Amino acid sequence: MPKQNRLQDHFNRDAMMTRIFRLEGRPSWLLLTILLLLGCGGGTELPEYANQLIPVSGIITTDGQPVSDANVTFHPAGNGGGQTAYGRTDAEGRYTLSTPIAGLSLEEQVGAVAGNYRVTVNRIARRDGTPVPEGTTEADAMAEGAIETVPPMFNDPGMSQLTTTVSEGQATYDFTIRLLK
């Protein structure tokens, strides 16, 4: 092959490779972007426990009276599995737990995973005992003088005396606590 043809062939291949690697056309950039997004784990794979939520509800009381506006948290305890689940009591002290799972609607998050739990109840109120307005952050409420009305033996995950085991067939978990005076 004459030197001129080899040189011409080399430049043609070089020009072609430059076009490929520079991705000179917009469709190439679009294709590359799509491939990168697909390859970066952008999927919505749900955790294994997402289909294993058991409906959990109950009532929180003190001295036979409902505890309203309290946050109820089920913390996984020991080697019994579970995922942290949350609820809030209404005026009758009733709560329903939800387990936050990205990619699921709020309705699909209702329930808790079977397992052993340490339960905490927190209730922040104004000094006169009235509830903090809904939507107020705990930090803002405390800055305004609000106080925790539930003693650490019920509100601290490391100290709470409330424990339970969530299992199929049982849906109601009631707890009696004491409030600070």
N, C-alpha and C. Protein backbone atom coordinates (compact mmCIF):
# COMPACT_ATOMS: atom_id res chain seq x y z
N MET A 1 0.86 -1.16 0.00
CA MET A 1 0.00 0.00 0.00
C MET A 1 0.91 1.22 0.00
N PRO A 2 0.68 2.17 -0.91
CA PRO A 2 1.52 3.36 -0.97
C PRO A 2 1.35 4.18 0.31
N LYS A 3 2.42 4.92 0.59
CA LYS A 3 2.47 5.70 1.81
C LYS A 3 1.31 6.71 1.85
N GLN A 4 0.92 7.30 0.74
CA GLN A 4 -0.15 8.29 0.66
C GLN A 4 -1.48 7.67 1.10
N ASN A 5 -1.79 6.46 0.61
CA ASN A 5 -3.04 5.79 0.96
C ASN A 5 -3.08 5.43 2.45
N ARG A 6 -1.94 4.94 2.96
CA ARG A 6 -1.91 4.59 4.40
C ARG A 6 -2.14 5.84 5.25
N LEU A 7 -1.55 6.94 4.86
CA LEU A 7 -1.70 8.19 5.59
C LEU A 7 -3.15 8.67 5.50
N GLN A 8 -3.74 8.60 4.30
CA GLN A 8 -5.13 8.99 4.10
C GLN A 8 -6.04 8.10 4.93
N ASP A 9 -5.80 6.80 4.92
CA ASP A 9 -6.59 5.84 5.68
C ASP A 9 -6.49 6.14 7.18
N HIS A 10 -5.28 6.46 7.61
CA HIS A 10 -5.06 6.78 9.02
C HIS A 10 -5.87 8.01 9.42
N PHE A 11 -5.85 9.07 8.58
CA PHE A 11 -6.59 10.29 8.89
C PHE A 11 -8.09 10.04 8.89
N ASN A 12 -8.60 9.21 7.98
CA ASN A 12 -10.02 8.89 7.95
C ASN A 12 -10.44 8.18 9.24
N ARG A 13 -9.65 7.17 9.65
CA ARG A 13 -9.96 6.46 10.90
C ARG A 13 -9.87 7.42 12.08
N ASP A 14 -8.84 8.28 12.07
CA ASP A 14 -8.65 9.23 13.15
C ASP A 14 -9.84 10.19 13.22
N ALA A 15 -10.30 10.67 12.07
CA ALA A 15 -11.45 11.59 12.03
C ALA A 15 -12.70 10.89 12.53
N MET A 16 -12.89 9.63 12.16
CA MET A 16 -14.05 8.88 12.60
C MET A 16 -14.02 8.66 14.11
N MET A 17 -12.87 8.29 14.65
CA MET A 17 -12.75 8.06 16.08
C MET A 17 -12.96 9.37 16.85
N THR A 18 -12.46 10.47 16.30
CA THR A 18 -12.65 11.77 16.95
C THR A 18 -14.13 12.09 17.03
N ARG A 19 -14.86 11.84 15.95
CA ARG A 19 -16.30 12.08 15.97
C ARG A 19 -16.99 11.21 17.00
N ILE A 20 -16.61 9.98 17.10
CA ILE A 20 -17.23 9.07 18.06
C ILE A 20 -16.94 9.51 19.49
N PHE A 21 -15.68 9.79 19.77
CA PHE A 21 -15.31 10.11 21.14
C PHE A 21 -15.70 11.53 21.54
N ARG A 22 -15.77 12.42 20.59
CA ARG A 22 -16.21 13.78 20.92
C ARG A 22 -17.72 13.86 20.97
N LEU A 23 -18.40 12.89 20.44
CA LEU A 23 -19.85 12.87 20.39
C LEU A 23 -20.38 14.19 19.83
N GLU A 24 -19.99 14.44 18.56
CA GLU A 24 -20.26 15.73 17.96
C GLU A 24 -21.73 16.01 17.68
N GLY A 25 -22.59 15.07 17.69
CA GLY A 25 -23.99 15.33 17.42
C GLY A 25 -24.80 15.34 18.70
N ARG A 26 -25.85 16.13 18.74
CA ARG A 26 -26.70 16.18 19.94
C ARG A 26 -27.32 14.83 20.26
N PRO A 27 -27.78 14.07 19.27
CA PRO A 27 -28.34 12.77 19.61
C PRO A 27 -27.35 11.89 20.39
N SER A 28 -26.05 12.03 20.10
CA SER A 28 -25.05 11.24 20.81
C SER A 28 -24.99 11.65 22.28
N TRP A 29 -25.06 12.95 22.55
CA TRP A 29 -25.06 13.42 23.94
C TRP A 29 -26.28 12.91 24.67
N LEU A 30 -27.42 12.96 24.00
CA LEU A 30 -28.65 12.48 24.61
C LEU A 30 -28.54 11.00 24.94
N LEU A 31 -28.01 10.23 24.00
CA LEU A 31 -27.84 8.80 24.20
C LEU A 31 -26.89 8.53 25.36
N LEU A 32 -25.79 9.24 25.40
CA LEU A 32 -24.82 9.06 26.48
C LEU A 32 -25.45 9.40 27.83
N THR A 33 -26.21 10.49 27.89
CA THR A 33 -26.86 10.88 29.14
C THR A 33 -27.83 9.82 29.60
N ILE A 34 -28.63 9.29 28.71
CA ILE A 34 -29.59 8.24 29.05
C ILE A 34 -28.86 7.00 29.56
N LEU A 35 -27.81 6.61 28.87
CA LEU A 35 -27.05 5.43 29.30
C LEU A 35 -26.44 5.63 30.67
N LEU A 36 -25.91 6.81 30.92
CA LEU A 36 -25.32 7.09 32.23
C LEU A 36 -26.37 7.05 33.33
N LEU A 37 -27.53 7.64 33.09
CA LEU A 37 -28.59 7.62 34.09
C LEU A 37 -29.08 6.21 34.38
N LEU A 38 -29.21 5.42 33.36
CA LEU A 38 -29.64 4.04 33.54
C LEU A 38 -28.59 3.22 34.29
N GLY A 39 -27.35 3.54 34.08
CA GLY A 39 -26.27 2.78 34.70
C GLY A 39 -25.93 3.24 36.09
N CYS A 40 -26.56 4.30 36.60
CA CYS A 40 -26.21 4.84 37.91
C CYS A 40 -27.16 4.38 39.00
N GLY A 41 -27.86 3.32 38.80
CA GLY A 41 -28.73 2.79 39.85
C GLY A 41 -29.90 3.69 40.16
N GLY A 42 -30.42 4.39 39.20
CA GLY A 42 -31.54 5.29 39.41
C GLY A 42 -32.86 4.56 39.51
N GLY A 43 -32.85 3.25 39.62
CA GLY A 43 -34.07 2.48 39.70
C GLY A 43 -34.78 2.67 41.02
N THR A 44 -35.97 2.14 41.11
CA THR A 44 -36.77 2.28 42.32
C THR A 44 -36.95 0.92 42.98
N GLU A 45 -35.87 0.22 43.18
CA GLU A 45 -35.94 -1.08 43.81
C GLU A 45 -36.31 -0.90 45.28
N LEU A 46 -37.37 -1.57 45.70
CA LEU A 46 -37.86 -1.44 47.07
C LEU A 46 -37.15 -2.43 47.99
N PRO A 47 -37.03 -2.07 49.27
CA PRO A 47 -36.42 -3.01 50.20
C PRO A 47 -37.31 -4.25 50.36
N GLU A 48 -36.71 -5.33 50.77
CA GLU A 48 -37.41 -6.61 50.91
C GLU A 48 -38.62 -6.51 51.83
N TYR A 49 -38.54 -5.72 52.89
CA TYR A 49 -39.61 -5.63 53.87
C TYR A 49 -40.80 -4.80 53.42
N ALA A 50 -40.72 -4.14 52.26
CA ALA A 50 -41.80 -3.27 51.80
C ALA A 50 -43.12 -4.01 51.66
N ASN A 51 -43.08 -5.28 51.33
CA ASN A 51 -44.31 -6.07 51.17
C ASN A 51 -44.66 -6.85 52.43
N GLN A 52 -43.96 -6.57 53.52
CA GLN A 52 -44.17 -7.33 54.76
C GLN A 52 -44.71 -6.49 55.89
N LEU A 53 -45.30 -5.33 55.59
CA LEU A 53 -45.81 -4.46 56.64
C LEU A 53 -47.11 -5.02 57.22
N ILE A 54 -47.18 -5.02 58.55
CA ILE A 54 -48.35 -5.50 59.28
C ILE A 54 -49.06 -4.28 59.85
N PRO A 55 -50.36 -4.12 59.61
CA PRO A 55 -51.07 -2.96 60.16
C PRO A 55 -50.94 -2.94 61.69
N VAL A 56 -50.56 -1.79 62.23
CA VAL A 56 -50.39 -1.64 63.68
C VAL A 56 -51.06 -0.35 64.11
N SER A 57 -51.90 -0.45 65.13
CA SER A 57 -52.53 0.73 65.71
C SER A 57 -52.71 0.46 67.20
N GLY A 58 -53.13 1.46 67.91
CA GLY A 58 -53.34 1.30 69.33
C GLY A 58 -53.78 2.59 69.97
N ILE A 59 -53.82 2.57 71.30
CA ILE A 59 -54.23 3.73 72.07
C ILE A 59 -53.20 3.96 73.17
N ILE A 60 -52.83 5.22 73.36
CA ILE A 60 -51.92 5.61 74.43
C ILE A 60 -52.77 6.32 75.49
N THR A 61 -52.68 5.85 76.73
CA THR A 61 -53.45 6.45 77.81
C THR A 61 -52.56 6.76 79.01
N THR A 62 -53.07 7.64 79.87
CA THR A 62 -52.46 7.93 81.16
C THR A 62 -53.60 8.10 82.15
N ASP A 63 -53.55 7.41 83.25
CA ASP A 63 -54.62 7.46 84.27
C ASP A 63 -55.99 7.23 83.65
N GLY A 64 -56.07 6.34 82.67
CA GLY A 64 -57.34 6.01 82.02
C GLY A 64 -57.80 7.01 80.99
N GLN A 65 -57.04 8.08 80.78
CA GLN A 65 -57.42 9.12 79.82
C GLN A 65 -56.51 9.05 78.60
N PRO A 66 -57.05 9.37 77.40
CA PRO A 66 -56.22 9.34 76.19
C PRO A 66 -55.13 10.41 76.22
N VAL A 67 -54.00 10.09 75.64
CA VAL A 67 -52.91 11.05 75.48
C VAL A 67 -52.96 11.52 74.02
N SER A 68 -53.32 12.78 73.83
CA SER A 68 -53.43 13.31 72.46
C SER A 68 -52.14 14.01 72.06
N ASP A 69 -51.98 14.19 70.75
CA ASP A 69 -50.86 14.94 70.17
C ASP A 69 -49.49 14.39 70.59
N ALA A 70 -49.38 13.09 70.71
CA ALA A 70 -48.10 12.46 71.08
C ALA A 70 -47.53 11.71 69.87
N ASN A 71 -46.21 11.71 69.79
CA ASN A 71 -45.53 10.92 68.75
C ASN A 71 -45.19 9.56 69.33
N VAL A 72 -45.54 8.52 68.60
CA VAL A 72 -45.28 7.14 69.00
C VAL A 72 -44.27 6.56 68.02
N THR A 73 -43.18 6.01 68.55
CA THR A 73 -42.14 5.44 67.69
C THR A 73 -41.81 4.03 68.13
N PHE A 74 -41.81 3.10 67.19
CA PHE A 74 -41.38 1.73 67.44
C PHE A 74 -39.94 1.61 66.92
N HIS A 75 -38.99 1.41 67.84
CA HIS A 75 -37.57 1.28 67.50
C HIS A 75 -37.20 -0.20 67.49
N PRO A 76 -36.55 -0.71 66.43
CA PRO A 76 -36.14 -2.12 66.42
C PRO A 76 -35.28 -2.42 67.65
N ALA A 77 -35.54 -3.57 68.28
CA ALA A 77 -34.80 -3.95 69.49
C ALA A 77 -34.16 -5.32 69.31
N GLY A 78 -32.91 -5.42 69.70
CA GLY A 78 -32.21 -6.71 69.63
C GLY A 78 -32.07 -7.22 68.22
N ASN A 79 -32.05 -8.53 68.10
CA ASN A 79 -31.90 -9.18 66.79
C ASN A 79 -33.23 -9.60 66.21
N GLY A 80 -34.30 -8.95 66.64
CA GLY A 80 -35.63 -9.36 66.21
C GLY A 80 -36.09 -8.75 64.91
N GLY A 81 -35.20 -8.18 64.14
CA GLY A 81 -35.59 -7.59 62.86
C GLY A 81 -36.29 -6.26 63.07
N GLY A 82 -37.15 -5.89 62.15
CA GLY A 82 -37.91 -4.66 62.27
C GLY A 82 -37.25 -3.46 61.64
N GLN A 83 -38.06 -2.43 61.43
CA GLN A 83 -37.65 -1.14 60.91
C GLN A 83 -38.36 -0.09 61.75
N THR A 84 -37.76 1.05 61.96
CA THR A 84 -38.39 2.10 62.75
C THR A 84 -39.70 2.51 62.10
N ALA A 85 -40.75 2.60 62.94
CA ALA A 85 -42.08 2.99 62.47
C ALA A 85 -42.61 4.11 63.36
N TYR A 86 -43.44 4.98 62.78
CA TYR A 86 -43.89 6.18 63.47
C TYR A 86 -45.40 6.33 63.41
N GLY A 87 -45.95 6.98 64.44
CA GLY A 87 -47.36 7.33 64.45
C GLY A 87 -47.58 8.55 65.32
N ARG A 88 -48.78 9.10 65.26
CA ARG A 88 -49.14 10.26 66.09
C ARG A 88 -50.55 10.04 66.62
N THR A 89 -50.73 10.35 67.90
CA THR A 89 -52.05 10.13 68.50
C THR A 89 -53.01 11.27 68.17
N ASP A 90 -54.28 10.89 68.06
CA ASP A 90 -55.33 11.88 67.84
C ASP A 90 -55.94 12.26 69.19
N ALA A 91 -57.08 12.95 69.18
CA ALA A 91 -57.72 13.40 70.42
C ALA A 91 -58.15 12.24 71.32
N GLU A 92 -58.37 11.06 70.74
CA GLU A 92 -58.76 9.88 71.52
C GLU A 92 -57.56 9.03 71.91
N GLY A 93 -56.35 9.50 71.63
CA GLY A 93 -55.15 8.75 71.97
C GLY A 93 -54.82 7.64 70.98
N ARG A 94 -55.56 7.55 69.89
CA ARG A 94 -55.34 6.49 68.88
C ARG A 94 -54.20 6.86 67.95
N TYR A 95 -53.43 5.86 67.59
CA TYR A 95 -52.34 6.05 66.62
C TYR A 95 -52.36 4.91 65.62
N THR A 96 -51.79 5.16 64.45
CA THR A 96 -51.57 4.15 63.42
C THR A 96 -50.13 4.33 62.96
N LEU A 97 -49.37 3.23 62.91
CA LEU A 97 -47.97 3.31 62.52
C LEU A 97 -47.77 3.31 61.01
N SER A 98 -46.71 3.97 60.60
CA SER A 98 -46.24 3.94 59.21
C SER A 98 -44.74 3.73 59.23
N THR A 99 -44.25 3.00 58.24
CA THR A 99 -42.82 2.77 58.07
C THR A 99 -42.39 3.48 56.81
N PRO A 100 -41.58 4.55 56.92
CA PRO A 100 -41.18 5.30 55.72
C PRO A 100 -40.37 4.43 54.75
N ILE A 101 -40.84 4.39 53.50
CA ILE A 101 -40.15 3.64 52.45
C ILE A 101 -40.19 4.50 51.18
N ALA A 102 -39.02 4.94 50.72
CA ALA A 102 -38.95 5.75 49.51
C ALA A 102 -39.53 4.97 48.34
N GLY A 103 -40.32 5.65 47.54
CA GLY A 103 -40.90 5.01 46.36
C GLY A 103 -42.31 4.50 46.58
N LEU A 104 -42.80 4.55 47.84
CA LEU A 104 -44.16 4.10 48.12
C LEU A 104 -45.02 5.30 48.53
N SER A 105 -46.31 5.21 48.22
CA SER A 105 -47.24 6.26 48.65
C SER A 105 -47.44 6.14 50.16
N LEU A 106 -48.00 7.16 50.78
CA LEU A 106 -48.24 7.13 52.22
C LEU A 106 -49.15 5.96 52.60
N GLU A 107 -50.14 5.67 51.77
CA GLU A 107 -51.05 4.56 52.05
C GLU A 107 -50.32 3.21 52.05
N GLU A 108 -49.30 3.10 51.20
CA GLU A 108 -48.54 1.85 51.11
C GLU A 108 -47.52 1.70 52.23
N GLN A 109 -47.29 2.75 53.01
CA GLN A 109 -46.31 2.71 54.09
C GLN A 109 -46.95 2.38 55.44
N VAL A 110 -48.26 2.19 55.48
CA VAL A 110 -48.95 1.94 56.74
C VAL A 110 -48.59 0.57 57.28
N GLY A 111 -48.15 0.55 58.54
CA GLY A 111 -47.82 -0.70 59.21
C GLY A 111 -46.39 -0.72 59.70
N ALA A 112 -46.02 -1.87 60.27
CA ALA A 112 -44.67 -2.09 60.78
C ALA A 112 -44.22 -3.48 60.37
N VAL A 113 -42.92 -3.68 60.33
CA VAL A 113 -42.34 -4.98 60.00
C VAL A 113 -42.38 -5.84 61.26
N ALA A 114 -42.65 -7.12 61.12
CA ALA A 114 -42.65 -8.03 62.27
C ALA A 114 -41.29 -7.97 62.96
N GLY A 115 -41.31 -7.99 64.28
CA GLY A 115 -40.07 -7.97 65.03
C GLY A 115 -40.26 -7.44 66.44
N ASN A 116 -39.17 -7.38 67.18
CA ASN A 116 -39.18 -6.87 68.54
C ASN A 116 -38.89 -5.38 68.53
N TYR A 117 -39.61 -4.65 69.37
CA TYR A 117 -39.47 -3.20 69.38
C TYR A 117 -39.43 -2.64 70.80
N ARG A 118 -38.68 -1.54 70.93
CA ARG A 118 -38.74 -0.68 72.11
C ARG A 118 -39.58 0.50 71.65
N VAL A 119 -40.59 0.85 72.44
CA VAL A 119 -41.54 1.88 72.04
C VAL A 119 -41.28 3.16 72.84
N THR A 120 -41.32 4.29 72.16
CA THR A 120 -41.20 5.58 72.85
C THR A 120 -42.43 6.42 72.53
N VAL A 121 -42.79 7.25 73.50
CA VAL A 121 -43.90 8.20 73.35
C VAL A 121 -43.35 9.57 73.75
N ASN A 122 -43.48 10.53 72.86
CA ASN A 122 -43.04 11.89 73.12
C ASN A 122 -44.22 12.82 72.93
N ARG A 123 -44.35 13.76 73.84
CA ARG A 123 -45.41 14.76 73.71
C ARG A 123 -44.87 16.09 74.21
N ILE A 124 -44.72 17.02 73.30
CA ILE A 124 -44.25 18.35 73.64
C ILE A 124 -45.47 19.25 73.74
N ALA A 125 -45.54 20.02 74.84
CA ALA A 125 -46.66 20.92 75.04
C ALA A 125 -46.15 22.25 75.59
N ARG A 126 -47.01 23.23 75.49
CA ARG A 126 -46.69 24.52 76.09
C ARG A 126 -46.69 24.34 77.60
N ARG A 127 -46.09 25.27 78.29
CA ARG A 127 -46.00 25.17 79.76
C ARG A 127 -47.37 25.08 80.43
N ASP A 128 -48.40 25.63 79.79
CA ASP A 128 -49.76 25.55 80.37
C ASP A 128 -50.45 24.22 80.04
N GLY A 129 -49.74 23.34 79.31
CA GLY A 129 -50.28 22.01 79.00
C GLY A 129 -50.98 21.92 77.66
N THR A 130 -51.21 23.04 77.00
CA THR A 130 -51.88 23.00 75.70
C THR A 130 -50.90 22.51 74.63
N PRO A 131 -51.43 21.83 73.62
CA PRO A 131 -50.54 21.30 72.58
C PRO A 131 -49.86 22.39 71.77
N VAL A 132 -48.71 22.07 71.27
CA VAL A 132 -47.98 22.95 70.36
C VAL A 132 -48.72 22.90 69.02
N PRO A 133 -48.91 24.05 68.36
CA PRO A 133 -49.63 24.04 67.07
C PRO A 133 -48.98 23.08 66.07
N GLU A 134 -49.82 22.37 65.33
CA GLU A 134 -49.33 21.43 64.32
C GLU A 134 -48.47 22.17 63.30
N GLY A 135 -47.40 21.53 62.89
CA GLY A 135 -46.48 22.12 61.93
C GLY A 135 -45.31 22.85 62.58
N THR A 136 -45.38 23.06 63.90
CA THR A 136 -44.28 23.70 64.62
C THR A 136 -43.19 22.66 64.84
N THR A 137 -41.97 23.00 64.50
CA THR A 137 -40.87 22.05 64.72
C THR A 137 -40.59 21.95 66.22
N GLU A 138 -40.00 20.83 66.60
CA GLU A 138 -39.65 20.63 68.01
C GLU A 138 -38.69 21.71 68.48
N ALA A 139 -37.72 22.07 67.65
CA ALA A 139 -36.74 23.10 68.03
C ALA A 139 -37.43 24.44 68.25
N ASP A 140 -38.37 24.82 67.36
CA ASP A 140 -39.08 26.08 67.52
C ASP A 140 -39.96 26.05 68.77
N ALA A 141 -40.62 24.93 69.01
CA ALA A 141 -41.47 24.80 70.20
C ALA A 141 -40.65 24.94 71.47
N MET A 142 -39.50 24.27 71.52
CA MET A 142 -38.64 24.34 72.70
C MET A 142 -38.09 25.76 72.88
N ALA A 143 -37.78 26.44 71.78
CA ALA A 143 -37.29 27.81 71.86
C ALA A 143 -38.36 28.75 72.43
N GLU A 144 -39.63 28.38 72.20
CA GLU A 144 -40.74 29.18 72.71
C GLU A 144 -41.14 28.76 74.12
N GLY A 145 -40.39 27.83 74.72
CA GLY A 145 -40.65 27.44 76.10
C GLY A 145 -41.46 26.17 76.27
N ALA A 146 -41.71 25.45 75.20
CA ALA A 146 -42.46 24.19 75.31
C ALA A 146 -41.61 23.17 76.08
N ILE A 147 -42.28 22.18 76.65
CA ILE A 147 -41.59 21.16 77.44
C ILE A 147 -42.04 19.76 77.02
N GLU A 148 -41.18 18.79 77.27
CA GLU A 148 -41.54 17.38 77.06
C GLU A 148 -42.40 16.97 78.25
N THR A 149 -43.57 16.40 77.99
CA THR A 149 -44.49 16.05 79.07
C THR A 149 -44.43 14.57 79.44
N VAL A 150 -43.64 13.80 78.73
CA VAL A 150 -43.51 12.36 78.99
C VAL A 150 -42.13 12.11 79.61
N PRO A 151 -42.07 11.40 80.74
CA PRO A 151 -40.77 11.16 81.37
C PRO A 151 -39.88 10.24 80.54
N PRO A 152 -38.54 10.32 80.76
CA PRO A 152 -37.59 9.51 79.99
C PRO A 152 -37.87 8.00 80.02
N MET A 153 -38.50 7.51 81.06
CA MET A 153 -38.78 6.07 81.12
C MET A 153 -39.75 5.62 80.02
N PHE A 154 -40.34 6.60 79.32
CA PHE A 154 -41.23 6.31 78.19
C PHE A 154 -40.81 7.01 76.91
N ASN A 155 -40.01 8.10 77.00
CA ASN A 155 -39.71 8.86 75.79
C ASN A 155 -38.29 8.68 75.26
N ASP A 156 -37.43 8.01 76.01
CA ASP A 156 -36.04 7.84 75.61
C ASP A 156 -35.82 6.42 75.10
N PRO A 157 -35.37 6.25 73.83
CA PRO A 157 -35.19 4.89 73.29
C PRO A 157 -34.24 4.02 74.12
N GLY A 158 -33.29 4.63 74.81
CA GLY A 158 -32.35 3.86 75.62
C GLY A 158 -32.90 3.50 76.98
N MET A 159 -33.96 4.18 77.41
CA MET A 159 -34.51 3.96 78.75
C MET A 159 -35.95 3.46 78.78
N SER A 160 -36.64 3.55 77.65
CA SER A 160 -38.07 3.23 77.65
C SER A 160 -38.35 1.83 78.17
N GLN A 161 -39.36 1.75 79.01
CA GLN A 161 -39.79 0.47 79.56
C GLN A 161 -40.88 -0.18 78.71
N LEU A 162 -41.25 0.48 77.63
CA LEU A 162 -42.29 -0.04 76.76
C LEU A 162 -41.66 -0.91 75.67
N THR A 163 -42.02 -2.17 75.64
CA THR A 163 -41.52 -3.07 74.60
C THR A 163 -42.69 -3.88 74.06
N THR A 164 -42.54 -4.36 72.86
CA THR A 164 -43.56 -5.21 72.26
C THR A 164 -42.96 -6.00 71.11
N THR A 165 -43.69 -7.00 70.66
CA THR A 165 -43.33 -7.78 69.49
C THR A 165 -44.46 -7.66 68.48
N VAL A 166 -44.16 -7.12 67.32
CA VAL A 166 -45.14 -7.02 66.24
C VAL A 166 -45.15 -8.36 65.51
N SER A 167 -46.35 -8.93 65.37
CA SER A 167 -46.46 -10.22 64.68
C SER A 167 -47.78 -10.29 63.94
N GLU A 168 -47.82 -11.16 62.94
CA GLU A 168 -49.06 -11.39 62.18
C GLU A 168 -50.16 -11.81 63.16
N GLY A 169 -51.37 -11.36 62.90
CA GLY A 169 -52.49 -11.78 63.73
C GLY A 169 -52.79 -10.83 64.87
N GLN A 170 -51.85 -9.98 65.25
CA GLN A 170 -52.10 -8.98 66.28
C GLN A 170 -51.93 -7.62 65.64
N ALA A 171 -52.95 -6.77 65.76
CA ALA A 171 -52.90 -5.47 65.11
C ALA A 171 -52.97 -4.32 66.09
N THR A 172 -53.37 -4.57 67.34
CA THR A 172 -53.56 -3.50 68.30
C THR A 172 -52.53 -3.60 69.41
N TYR A 173 -51.87 -2.48 69.66
CA TYR A 173 -50.84 -2.41 70.69
C TYR A 173 -51.11 -1.16 71.53
N ASP A 174 -51.76 -1.35 72.69
CA ASP A 174 -52.10 -0.25 73.58
C ASP A 174 -51.03 -0.12 74.66
N PHE A 175 -50.76 1.13 75.08
CA PHE A 175 -49.78 1.38 76.12
C PHE A 175 -50.31 2.41 77.10
N THR A 176 -49.99 2.20 78.37
CA THR A 176 -50.32 3.17 79.41
C THR A 176 -49.03 3.80 79.90
N ILE A 177 -49.00 5.11 79.91
CA ILE A 177 -47.81 5.83 80.34
C ILE A 177 -48.18 6.81 81.45
N ARG A 178 -47.18 7.43 82.00
CA ARG A 178 -47.35 8.47 83.00
C ARG A 178 -46.83 9.76 82.38
N LEU A 179 -47.52 10.86 82.66
CA LEU A 179 -47.08 12.16 82.18
C LEU A 179 -46.41 12.91 83.33
N LEU A 180 -45.50 13.82 83.00
CA LEU A 180 -44.89 14.69 84.00
C LEU A 180 -45.93 15.73 84.44
N LYS A 181 -45.86 16.10 85.67
CA LYS A 181 -46.82 17.09 86.20
C LYS A 181 -46.35 18.48 85.91
